[in-house]
């Protein structure tokens, strides 16, 4: 019962986040100072930091940023908004309503199910896409934002790809480091 209440409370926080945050500047690899931040290995949040108003505001602003029509992404990591901390926001395509959820201190414990090559874009590399090999399934561990306790879950398919992409960001890795098959994004060019 306590677990259900925690999940409901987190869902309420995350739902309210998308309406209250501000759109942050997204760092780009095309600006040397910003690329340096994108290439930095990020620090974990402490238990005290997770309870802070500053953390809540960052998570809220990241959700607002990734869902803004100017970005329209499926995930974002804290270094993409200039913060070298281990926080990601992921669109949970594997859950009803496809909610955007924030994950503190995420890490991939193991990968399985084989490797699948698939297309990826990145808010920090606008105008380009790449075909990137990723594990089909992952075992993910993160710190529960409400309790501060570790949570482990299995994530599959495209949602697993999003998690791998965003966790890479917290390790200073970009999708272009994982493939040589990068090409101009024709859809992005047509929209402009």
C-alpha atoms as a PDB file:
ATOM      1  CA  UNK A   1       0.000   0.000   0.000  1.00  0.00           C
ATOM      2  CA  UNK A   2       2.824   2.394   0.924  1.00  0.00           C
ATOM      3  CA  UNK A   3       4.482   1.653  -2.457  1.00  0.00           C
ATOM      4  CA  UNK A   4       1.234   2.502  -4.303  1.00  0.00           C
ATOM      5  CA  UNK A   5       0.891   5.796  -2.394  1.00  0.00           C
ATOM      6  CA  UNK A   6       4.506   6.678  -3.198  1.00  0.00           C
ATOM      7  CA  UNK A   7       3.931   5.968  -6.892  1.00  0.00           C
ATOM      8  CA  UNK A   8       0.752   8.053  -6.882  1.00  0.00           C
ATOM      9  CA  UNK A   9       2.527  10.922  -5.103  1.00  0.00           C
ATOM     10  CA  UNK A  10       5.373  10.815  -7.605  1.00  0.00           C
ATOM     11  CA  UNK A  11       2.905  10.740 -10.483  1.00  0.00           C
ATOM     12  CA  UNK A  12       1.184  13.827  -9.075  1.00  0.00           C
ATOM     13  CA  UNK A  13       4.531  15.599  -8.723  1.00  0.00           C
ATOM     14  CA  UNK A  14       5.524  14.658 -12.268  1.00  0.00           C
ATOM     15  CA  UNK A  15       2.145  15.666 -13.717  1.00  0.00           C
ATOM     16  CA  UNK A  16       2.286  19.035 -11.996  1.00  0.00           C
ATOM     17  CA  UNK A  17       5.877  19.478 -13.187  1.00  0.00           C
ATOM     18  CA  UNK A  18       4.942  19.585 -16.839  1.00  0.00           C
ATOM     19  CA  UNK A  19       2.689  22.595 -16.250  1.00  0.00           C
ATOM     20  CA  UNK A  20       4.902  24.687 -13.950  1.00  0.00           C
ATOM     21  CA  UNK A  21       8.470  24.488 -15.179  1.00  0.00           C
ATOM     22  CA  UNK A  22      10.342  26.784 -17.480  1.00  0.00           C
ATOM     23  CA  UNK A  23      11.998  25.854 -20.754  1.00  0.00           C
ATOM     24  CA  UNK A  24      15.755  25.664 -20.256  1.00  0.00           C
ATOM     25  CA  UNK A  25      18.496  26.269 -22.803  1.00  0.00           C
ATOM     26  CA  UNK A  26      19.606  22.934 -24.313  1.00  0.00           C
ATOM     27  CA  UNK A  27      23.379  22.612 -24.680  1.00  0.00           C
ATOM     28  CA  UNK A  28      24.746  21.843 -28.138  1.00  0.00           C
ATOM     29  CA  UNK A  29      27.846  20.033 -29.386  1.00  0.00           C
ATOM     30  CA  UNK A  30      28.270  22.910 -31.839  1.00  0.00           C
ATOM     31  CA  UNK A  31      29.270  25.291 -28.993  1.00  0.00           C
ATOM     32  CA  UNK A  32      32.681  24.247 -27.576  1.00  0.00           C
ATOM     33  CA  UNK A  33      31.976  25.348 -23.981  1.00  0.00           C
ATOM     34  CA  UNK A  34      28.661  23.492 -24.021  1.00  0.00           C
ATOM     35  CA  UNK A  35      30.179  20.369 -25.574  1.00  0.00           C
ATOM     36  CA  UNK A  36      32.694  20.311 -22.698  1.00  0.00           C
ATOM     37  CA  UNK A  37      29.765  20.057 -20.236  1.00  0.00           C
ATOM     38  CA  UNK A  38      28.125  17.356 -22.375  1.00  0.00           C
ATOM     39  CA  UNK A  39      31.383  15.372 -22.211  1.00  0.00           C
ATOM     40  CA  UNK A  40      31.613  15.485 -18.398  1.00  0.00           C
ATOM     41  CA  UNK A  41      30.978  12.451 -16.181  1.00  0.00           C
ATOM     42  CA  UNK A  42      28.175  13.473 -13.815  1.00  0.00           C
ATOM     43  CA  UNK A  43      28.005  13.208 -10.034  1.00  0.00           C
ATOM     44  CA  UNK A  44      25.213  11.450  -8.155  1.00  0.00           C
ATOM     45  CA  UNK A  45      22.653  13.325  -6.087  1.00  0.00           C
ATOM     46  CA  UNK A  46      22.956  12.895  -2.324  1.00  0.00           C
ATOM     47  CA  UNK A  47      19.923  12.011  -0.217  1.00  0.00           C
ATOM     48  CA  UNK A  48      19.736  15.625   0.994  1.00  0.00           C
ATOM     49  CA  UNK A  49      19.935  16.997  -2.545  1.00  0.00           C
ATOM     50  CA  UNK A  50      17.048  14.744  -3.623  1.00  0.00           C
ATOM     51  CA  UNK A  51      14.874  16.324  -0.926  1.00  0.00           C
ATOM     52  CA  UNK A  52      15.739  19.865  -1.955  1.00  0.00           C
ATOM     53  CA  UNK A  53      13.549  22.373  -3.702  1.00  0.00           C
ATOM     54  CA  UNK A  54      16.397  22.925  -6.179  1.00  0.00           C
ATOM     55  CA  UNK A  55      16.233  19.258  -7.254  1.00  0.00           C
ATOM     56  CA  UNK A  56      12.427  19.400  -7.687  1.00  0.00           C
ATOM     57  CA  UNK A  57      12.737  22.571  -9.754  1.00  0.00           C
ATOM     58  CA  UNK A  58      15.402  21.023 -11.990  1.00  0.00           C
ATOM     59  CA  UNK A  59      13.281  17.913 -12.612  1.00  0.00           C
ATOM     60  CA  UNK A  60      10.244  20.102 -13.295  1.00  0.00           C
ATOM     61  CA  UNK A  61      12.140  22.343 -15.709  1.00  0.00           C
ATOM     62  CA  UNK A  62      13.647  19.367 -17.539  1.00  0.00           C
ATOM     63  CA  UNK A  63      10.193  17.875 -18.133  1.00  0.00           C
ATOM     64  CA  UNK A  64       8.931  21.228 -19.387  1.00  0.00           C
ATOM     65  CA  UNK A  65      11.971  21.554 -21.664  1.00  0.00           C
ATOM     66  CA  UNK A  66      11.789  18.106 -23.263  1.00  0.00           C
ATOM     67  CA  UNK A  67       8.033  18.368 -23.853  1.00  0.00           C
ATOM     68  CA  UNK A  68       8.158  21.894 -25.251  1.00  0.00           C
ATOM     69  CA  UNK A  69       7.219  21.987 -28.973  1.00  0.00           C
ATOM     70  CA  UNK A  70      10.591  23.603 -29.704  1.00  0.00           C
ATOM     71  CA  UNK A  71      12.286  20.392 -28.493  1.00  0.00           C
ATOM     72  CA  UNK A  72       9.648  17.668 -28.669  1.00  0.00           C
ATOM     73  CA  UNK A  73      11.982  14.936 -27.418  1.00  0.00           C
ATOM     74  CA  UNK A  74      11.483  11.611 -25.680  1.00  0.00           C
ATOM     75  CA  UNK A  75      14.219  12.144 -23.109  1.00  0.00           C
ATOM     76  CA  UNK A  76      16.712  14.606 -21.684  1.00  0.00           C
ATOM     77  CA  UNK A  77      19.608  14.455 -19.235  1.00  0.00           C
ATOM     78  CA  UNK A  78      20.784  17.090 -16.767  1.00  0.00           C
ATOM     79  CA  UNK A  79      24.072  17.804 -18.595  1.00  0.00           C
ATOM     80  CA  UNK A  80      22.008  18.827 -21.622  1.00  0.00           C
ATOM     81  CA  UNK A  81      20.751  21.770 -19.564  1.00  0.00           C
ATOM     82  CA  UNK A  82      24.154  22.549 -18.085  1.00  0.00           C
ATOM     83  CA  UNK A  83      23.953  20.553 -14.859  1.00  0.00           C
ATOM     84  CA  UNK A  84      26.609  17.850 -14.353  1.00  0.00           C
ATOM     85  CA  UNK A  85      24.429  15.636 -12.155  1.00  0.00           C
ATOM     86  CA  UNK A  86      22.881  12.197 -12.674  1.00  0.00           C
ATOM     87  CA  UNK A  87      19.264  13.065 -13.500  1.00  0.00           C
ATOM     88  CA  UNK A  88      17.335  12.041 -16.589  1.00  0.00           C
ATOM     89  CA  UNK A  89      13.776  12.455 -17.811  1.00  0.00           C
ATOM     90  CA  UNK A  90      12.339   9.695 -19.983  1.00  0.00           C
ATOM     91  CA  UNK A  91       9.059   9.298 -21.831  1.00  0.00           C
ATOM     92  CA  UNK A  92       7.765   5.947 -20.604  1.00  0.00           C
ATOM     93  CA  UNK A  93       6.376   4.667 -23.877  1.00  0.00           C
ATOM     94  CA  UNK A  94       5.913   1.330 -22.095  1.00  0.00           C
ATOM     95  CA  UNK A  95       3.382   2.756 -19.617  1.00  0.00           C
ATOM     96  CA  UNK A  96      -0.222   3.797 -20.065  1.00  0.00           C
ATOM     97  CA  UNK A  97      -0.445   7.465 -21.019  1.00  0.00           C
ATOM     98  CA  UNK A  98       3.271   7.527 -21.945  1.00  0.00           C
ATOM     99  CA  UNK A  99       4.214   9.769 -18.991  1.00  0.00           C
ATOM    100  CA  UNK A 100       7.492  11.653 -18.710  1.00  0.00           C
ATOM    101  CA  UNK A 101       9.237  10.595 -15.504  1.00  0.00           C
ATOM    102  CA  UNK A 102      12.380  11.799 -13.737  1.00  0.00           C
ATOM    103  CA  UNK A 103      15.062   9.340 -12.586  1.00  0.00           C
ATOM    104  CA  UNK A 104      17.834  10.220 -10.142  1.00  0.00           C
ATOM    105  CA  UNK A 105      21.193   8.443 -10.181  1.00  0.00           C
ATOM    106  CA  UNK A 106      20.221   5.985 -12.937  1.00  0.00           C
ATOM    107  CA  UNK A 107      22.550   3.219 -13.988  1.00  0.00           C
ATOM    108  CA  UNK A 108      22.357   0.143 -16.165  1.00  0.00           C
ATOM    109  CA  UNK A 109      23.182  -2.992 -14.209  1.00  0.00           C
ATOM    110  CA  UNK A 110      23.009  -5.400 -17.135  1.00  0.00           C
ATOM    111  CA  UNK A 111      21.887  -5.750 -20.726  1.00  0.00           C
ATOM    112  CA  UNK A 112      20.265  -8.722 -22.447  1.00  0.00           C
ATOM    113  CA  UNK A 113      18.043  -9.738 -25.338  1.00  0.00           C
ATOM    114  CA  UNK A 114      20.611  -9.024 -28.008  1.00  0.00           C
ATOM    115  CA  UNK A 115      21.649  -5.879 -29.821  1.00  0.00           C
ATOM    116  CA  UNK A 116      19.388  -3.950 -32.158  1.00  0.00           C
ATOM    117  CA  UNK A 117      20.449  -1.108 -34.442  1.00  0.00           C
ATOM    118  CA  UNK A 118      17.939   1.730 -34.536  1.00  0.00           C
ATOM    119  CA  UNK A 119      17.639   5.432 -35.326  1.00  0.00           C
ATOM    120  CA  UNK A 120      18.359   8.058 -32.684  1.00  0.00           C
ATOM    121  CA  UNK A 121      18.417  11.803 -32.564  1.00  0.00           C
ATOM    122  CA  UNK A 122      19.576  14.091 -29.802  1.00  0.00           C
ATOM    123  CA  UNK A 123      18.431  17.502 -28.637  1.00  0.00           C
ATOM    124  CA  UNK A 124      22.125  18.417 -28.277  1.00  0.00           C
ATOM    125  CA  UNK A 125      22.965  17.424 -31.863  1.00  0.00           C
ATOM    126  CA  UNK A 126      20.158  19.148 -33.787  1.00  0.00           C
ATOM    127  CA  UNK A 127      19.736  18.400 -37.463  1.00  0.00           C
ATOM    128  CA  UNK A 128      21.321  14.946 -37.360  1.00  0.00           C
ATOM    129  CA  UNK A 129      20.353  11.346 -36.645  1.00  0.00           C
ATOM    130  CA  UNK A 130      22.273   8.118 -36.403  1.00  0.00           C
ATOM    131  CA  UNK A 131      21.733   4.374 -36.495  1.00  0.00           C
ATOM    132  CA  UNK A 132      22.937   3.208 -33.093  1.00  0.00           C
ATOM    133  CA  UNK A 133      23.377  -0.318 -31.715  1.00  0.00           C
ATOM    134  CA  UNK A 134      21.675  -0.708 -28.337  1.00  0.00           C
ATOM    135  CA  UNK A 135      20.668  -3.587 -26.103  1.00  0.00           C
ATOM    136  CA  UNK A 136      17.061  -4.653 -26.539  1.00  0.00           C
ATOM    137  CA  UNK A 137      16.516  -5.028 -22.775  1.00  0.00           C
ATOM    138  CA  UNK A 138      18.208  -3.590 -19.691  1.00  0.00           C
ATOM    139  CA  UNK A 139      18.147  -3.951 -15.934  1.00  0.00           C
ATOM    140  CA  UNK A 140      17.945  -0.399 -14.604  1.00  0.00           C
ATOM    141  CA  UNK A 141      18.643   0.844 -11.076  1.00  0.00           C
ATOM    142  CA  UNK A 142      17.877   4.369  -9.837  1.00  0.00           C
ATOM    143  CA  UNK A 143      17.201   6.202  -6.590  1.00  0.00           C
ATOM    144  CA  UNK A 144      13.524   6.619  -5.750  1.00  0.00           C
ATOM    145  CA  UNK A 145      12.951  10.361  -5.519  1.00  0.00           C
ATOM    146  CA  UNK A 146      10.480  10.075  -2.637  1.00  0.00           C
ATOM    147  CA  UNK A 147      12.097   7.410  -0.449  1.00  0.00           C
ATOM    148  CA  UNK A 148      15.770   7.703  -1.366  1.00  0.00           C
ATOM    149  CA  UNK A 149      15.868   3.918  -1.740  1.00  0.00           C
ATOM    150  CA  UNK A 150      17.251   2.071  -4.754  1.00  0.00           C
ATOM    151  CA  UNK A 151      14.746   0.712  -7.279  1.00  0.00           C
ATOM    152  CA  UNK A 152      15.521  -1.909  -9.900  1.00  0.00           C
ATOM    153  CA  UNK A 153      13.391  -2.657 -12.935  1.00  0.00           C
ATOM    154  CA  UNK A 154      13.630  -4.315 -16.333  1.00  0.00           C
ATOM    155  CA  UNK A 155      12.970  -2.102 -19.355  1.00  0.00           C
ATOM    156  CA  UNK A 156      12.581  -3.338 -22.927  1.00  0.00           C
ATOM    157  CA  UNK A 157      12.445  -2.199 -26.542  1.00  0.00           C
ATOM    158  CA  UNK A 158      12.374   1.487 -27.505  1.00  0.00           C
ATOM    159  CA  UNK A 159      12.033   2.652 -23.899  1.00  0.00           C
ATOM    160  CA  UNK A 160      15.239   0.740 -23.086  1.00  0.00           C
ATOM    161  CA  UNK A 161      16.903   2.600 -25.976  1.00  0.00           C
ATOM    162  CA  UNK A 162      15.822   5.955 -24.503  1.00  0.00           C
ATOM    163  CA  UNK A 163      17.209   5.011 -21.084  1.00  0.00           C
ATOM    164  CA  UNK A 164      20.531   3.908 -22.591  1.00  0.00           C
ATOM    165  CA  UNK A 165      20.811   7.146 -24.587  1.00  0.00           C
ATOM    166  CA  UNK A 166      20.049   9.367 -21.574  1.00  0.00           C
ATOM    167  CA  UNK A 167      22.249   7.431 -19.138  1.00  0.00           C
ATOM    168  CA  UNK A 168      25.063   7.739 -21.684  1.00  0.00           C
ATOM    169  CA  UNK A 169      24.671  11.524 -21.352  1.00  0.00           C
ATOM    170  CA  UNK A 170      25.322  11.287 -17.604  1.00  0.00           C
ATOM    171  CA  UNK A 171      28.541   9.420 -18.423  1.00  0.00           C
ATOM    172  CA  UNK A 172      29.700  12.063 -20.922  1.00  0.00           C
ATOM    173  CA  UNK A 173      28.885   9.839 -23.919  1.00  0.00           C
ATOM    174  CA  UNK A 174      26.934  10.938 -27.012  1.00  0.00           C
ATOM    175  CA  UNK A 175      25.214   8.638 -29.496  1.00  0.00           C
ATOM    176  CA  UNK A 176      27.760   9.717 -32.117  1.00  0.00           C
ATOM    177  CA  UNK A 177      30.407   7.939 -29.997  1.00  0.00           C
ATOM    178  CA  UNK A 178      28.560   4.661 -30.540  1.00  0.00           C
ATOM    179  CA  UNK A 179      28.149   4.784 -34.333  1.00  0.00           C
ATOM    180  CA  UNK A 180      29.751   6.085 -37.498  1.00  0.00           C
ATOM    181  CA  UNK A 181      26.364   6.005 -39.263  1.00  0.00           C
ATOM    182  CA  UNK A 182      25.332   9.645 -38.693  1.00  0.00           C
ATOM    183  CA  UNK A 183      23.364  11.560 -41.308  1.00  0.00           C
ATOM    184  CA  UNK A 184      21.362  14.794 -41.741  1.00  0.00           C
ATOM    185  CA  UNK A 185      17.858  14.585 -40.309  1.00  0.00           C
ATOM    186  CA  UNK A 186      15.640  15.169 -43.343  1.00  0.00           C
ATOM    187  CA  UNK A 187      12.498  15.580 -41.214  1.00  0.00           C
ATOM    188  CA  UNK A 188      14.108  18.357 -39.168  1.00  0.00           C
ATOM    189  CA  UNK A 189      15.180  20.113 -42.363  1.00  0.00           C
ATOM    190  CA  UNK A 190      11.642  19.919 -43.799  1.00  0.00           C
ATOM    191  CA  UNK A 191      10.097  21.362 -40.616  1.00  0.00           C
ATOM    192  CA  UNK A 192      12.317  24.452 -40.825  1.00  0.00           C
END
